[in-house]
C-alpha atoms as a PDB file:
ATOM      1  CA  UNK A   1      10.345  22.363 -18.472  1.00  0.00           C
ATOM      2  CA  UNK A   2       8.881  24.825 -15.966  1.00  0.00           C
ATOM      3  CA  UNK A   3       7.085  27.794 -17.382  1.00  0.00           C
ATOM      4  CA  UNK A   4       5.957  29.532 -14.202  1.00  0.00           C
ATOM      5  CA  UNK A   5       8.885  30.649 -12.075  1.00  0.00           C
ATOM      6  CA  UNK A   6       6.786  32.482  -9.472  1.00  0.00           C
ATOM      7  CA  UNK A   7       6.849  29.570  -7.009  1.00  0.00           C
ATOM      8  CA  UNK A   8       9.720  27.249  -6.170  1.00  0.00           C
ATOM      9  CA  UNK A   9       9.253  23.676  -7.387  1.00  0.00           C
ATOM     10  CA  UNK A  10       9.032  20.810  -4.917  1.00  0.00           C
ATOM     11  CA  UNK A  11      12.241  18.780  -4.768  1.00  0.00           C
ATOM     12  CA  UNK A  12      10.293  15.507  -5.146  1.00  0.00           C
ATOM     13  CA  UNK A  13       8.690  16.782  -8.335  1.00  0.00           C
ATOM     14  CA  UNK A  14      12.058  17.820  -9.756  1.00  0.00           C
ATOM     15  CA  UNK A  15      13.607  14.439  -8.900  1.00  0.00           C
ATOM     16  CA  UNK A  16      10.716  12.505 -10.446  1.00  0.00           C
ATOM     17  CA  UNK A  17      11.013  14.536 -13.645  1.00  0.00           C
ATOM     18  CA  UNK A  18      14.791  14.053 -13.744  1.00  0.00           C
ATOM     19  CA  UNK A  19      14.519  10.281 -13.232  1.00  0.00           C
ATOM     20  CA  UNK A  20      11.834  10.001 -15.885  1.00  0.00           C
ATOM     21  CA  UNK A  21      13.861  12.103 -18.340  1.00  0.00           C
ATOM     22  CA  UNK A  22      17.040  10.083 -17.720  1.00  0.00           C
ATOM     23  CA  UNK A  23      15.360   6.753 -18.473  1.00  0.00           C
ATOM     24  CA  UNK A  24      16.576   5.255 -15.181  1.00  0.00           C
ATOM     25  CA  UNK A  25      14.119   2.696 -13.806  1.00  0.00           C
ATOM     26  CA  UNK A  26      13.847   3.118 -10.045  1.00  0.00           C
ATOM     27  CA  UNK A  27      11.659   0.597  -8.270  1.00  0.00           C
ATOM     28  CA  UNK A  28      10.911   2.278  -4.986  1.00  0.00           C
ATOM     29  CA  UNK A  29       8.426  -0.427  -3.964  1.00  0.00           C
ATOM     30  CA  UNK A  30      11.102  -3.121  -4.217  1.00  0.00           C
ATOM     31  CA  UNK A  31      13.464  -0.910  -2.248  1.00  0.00           C
ATOM     32  CA  UNK A  32      10.816  -0.497   0.472  1.00  0.00           C
ATOM     33  CA  UNK A  33      10.374  -4.280   0.556  1.00  0.00           C
ATOM     34  CA  UNK A  34      14.105  -4.803   1.099  1.00  0.00           C
ATOM     35  CA  UNK A  35      14.192  -2.095   3.789  1.00  0.00           C
ATOM     36  CA  UNK A  36      11.155  -3.476   5.660  1.00  0.00           C
ATOM     37  CA  UNK A  37      11.826  -7.204   5.173  1.00  0.00           C
ATOM     38  CA  UNK A  38      12.577  -7.941   8.848  1.00  0.00           C
ATOM     39  CA  UNK A  39       9.470  -6.092  10.004  1.00  0.00           C
ATOM     40  CA  UNK A  40       7.290  -7.901   7.474  1.00  0.00           C
ATOM     41  CA  UNK A  41       8.483 -11.465   8.028  1.00  0.00           C
ATOM     42  CA  UNK A  42       9.737 -11.246  11.622  1.00  0.00           C
ATOM     43  CA  UNK A  43      13.249 -11.669  13.036  1.00  0.00           C
ATOM     44  CA  UNK A  44      13.511 -15.490  12.839  1.00  0.00           C
ATOM     45  CA  UNK A  45      12.503 -15.670   9.173  1.00  0.00           C
ATOM     46  CA  UNK A  46      14.551 -12.576   8.296  1.00  0.00           C
ATOM     47  CA  UNK A  47      17.654 -14.192   9.810  1.00  0.00           C
ATOM     48  CA  UNK A  48      17.235 -17.181   7.484  1.00  0.00           C
ATOM     49  CA  UNK A  49      16.071 -15.441   4.301  1.00  0.00           C
ATOM     50  CA  UNK A  50      16.945 -12.598   1.970  1.00  0.00           C
ATOM     51  CA  UNK A  51      14.796 -11.247  -0.842  1.00  0.00           C
ATOM     52  CA  UNK A  52      16.824 -11.392  -4.025  1.00  0.00           C
ATOM     53  CA  UNK A  53      14.790  -9.937  -6.885  1.00  0.00           C
ATOM     54  CA  UNK A  54      11.274  -9.177  -8.058  1.00  0.00           C
ATOM     55  CA  UNK A  55      10.420 -10.221 -11.625  1.00  0.00           C
ATOM     56  CA  UNK A  56       6.953  -9.066 -12.516  1.00  0.00           C
ATOM     57  CA  UNK A  57       4.965 -10.140  -9.464  1.00  0.00           C
ATOM     58  CA  UNK A  58       7.305 -13.046  -8.620  1.00  0.00           C
ATOM     59  CA  UNK A  59       9.538 -12.516  -5.588  1.00  0.00           C
ATOM     60  CA  UNK A  60      12.654 -14.701  -5.446  1.00  0.00           C
ATOM     61  CA  UNK A  61      13.899 -15.281  -1.904  1.00  0.00           C
ATOM     62  CA  UNK A  62      17.159 -16.905  -0.817  1.00  0.00           C
ATOM     63  CA  UNK A  63      16.784 -19.297   2.119  1.00  0.00           C
ATOM     64  CA  UNK A  64      19.484 -20.643   4.442  1.00  0.00           C
ATOM     65  CA  UNK A  65      18.462 -24.345   4.416  1.00  0.00           C
ATOM     66  CA  UNK A  66      16.059 -26.968   3.069  1.00  0.00           C
ATOM     67  CA  UNK A  67      14.060 -27.199   6.334  1.00  0.00           C
ATOM     68  CA  UNK A  68      13.492 -23.419   6.255  1.00  0.00           C
ATOM     69  CA  UNK A  69      12.499 -23.610   2.608  1.00  0.00           C
ATOM     70  CA  UNK A  70       9.920 -26.297   3.413  1.00  0.00           C
ATOM     71  CA  UNK A  71       8.499 -24.296   6.341  1.00  0.00           C
ATOM     72  CA  UNK A  72       8.264 -21.142   4.216  1.00  0.00           C
ATOM     73  CA  UNK A  73       6.216 -23.012   1.591  1.00  0.00           C
ATOM     74  CA  UNK A  74       3.499 -23.378   4.242  1.00  0.00           C
ATOM     75  CA  UNK A  75       3.753 -19.685   5.149  1.00  0.00           C
ATOM     76  CA  UNK A  76       3.800 -18.418   1.553  1.00  0.00           C
ATOM     77  CA  UNK A  77       0.166 -17.156   1.381  1.00  0.00           C
ATOM     78  CA  UNK A  78       0.554 -15.309   4.692  1.00  0.00           C
ATOM     79  CA  UNK A  79       3.873 -13.769   3.598  1.00  0.00           C
ATOM     80  CA  UNK A  80       2.418 -12.576   0.279  1.00  0.00           C
ATOM     81  CA  UNK A  81      -0.504 -10.997   2.115  1.00  0.00           C
ATOM     82  CA  UNK A  82       1.782  -9.257   4.666  1.00  0.00           C
ATOM     83  CA  UNK A  83       4.101  -7.926   1.949  1.00  0.00           C
ATOM     84  CA  UNK A  84       1.274  -6.476  -0.127  1.00  0.00           C
ATOM     85  CA  UNK A  85      -0.507  -5.076   2.924  1.00  0.00           C
ATOM     86  CA  UNK A  86       2.663  -3.387   4.182  1.00  0.00           C
ATOM     87  CA  UNK A  87       3.416  -1.846   0.784  1.00  0.00           C
ATOM     88  CA  UNK A  88      -0.205  -0.851   0.209  1.00  0.00           C
ATOM     89  CA  UNK A  89      -0.421  -2.488  -3.215  1.00  0.00           C
ATOM     90  CA  UNK A  90      -0.268  -5.887  -4.877  1.00  0.00           C
ATOM     91  CA  UNK A  91       3.439  -5.982  -5.592  1.00  0.00           C
ATOM     92  CA  UNK A  92       3.916  -9.734  -5.042  1.00  0.00           C
ATOM     93  CA  UNK A  93       1.650 -12.446  -6.465  1.00  0.00           C
ATOM     94  CA  UNK A  94       3.947 -15.420  -5.815  1.00  0.00           C
ATOM     95  CA  UNK A  95       7.166 -16.248  -3.982  1.00  0.00           C
ATOM     96  CA  UNK A  96       9.789 -18.747  -5.081  1.00  0.00           C
ATOM     97  CA  UNK A  97      12.295 -19.928  -2.480  1.00  0.00           C
ATOM     98  CA  UNK A  98      15.779 -21.216  -3.214  1.00  0.00           C
ATOM     99  CA  UNK A  99      18.790 -22.053  -1.118  1.00  0.00           C
ATOM    100  CA  UNK A 100      21.288 -19.221  -1.372  1.00  0.00           C
ATOM    101  CA  UNK A 101      23.198 -16.553   0.542  1.00  0.00           C
ATOM    102  CA  UNK A 102      21.168 -14.755   3.203  1.00  0.00           C
ATOM    103  CA  UNK A 103      23.790 -12.302   4.519  1.00  0.00           C
END
């Protein structure tokens, strides 16, 4: 609760306090990953993949086909590095690929 009403509060501060008070878990880093996926992995990979969920530091990614899944296994260390570098923190420690919907 604000005690000093002399200055207006920043909207971001109010929203953070409201989210914290409500108990809603908002993972803005995961949201940024979804938003920036194409820029991180490039258009060809983005067309054949879709990040599904982050559990701890494990990123699950849907892939369009077995050949793409095999190719991505080779690129996994580079993808992890690009993701973490783009987000400015170690969000992803491992990636697991599975065939699934990419649209």
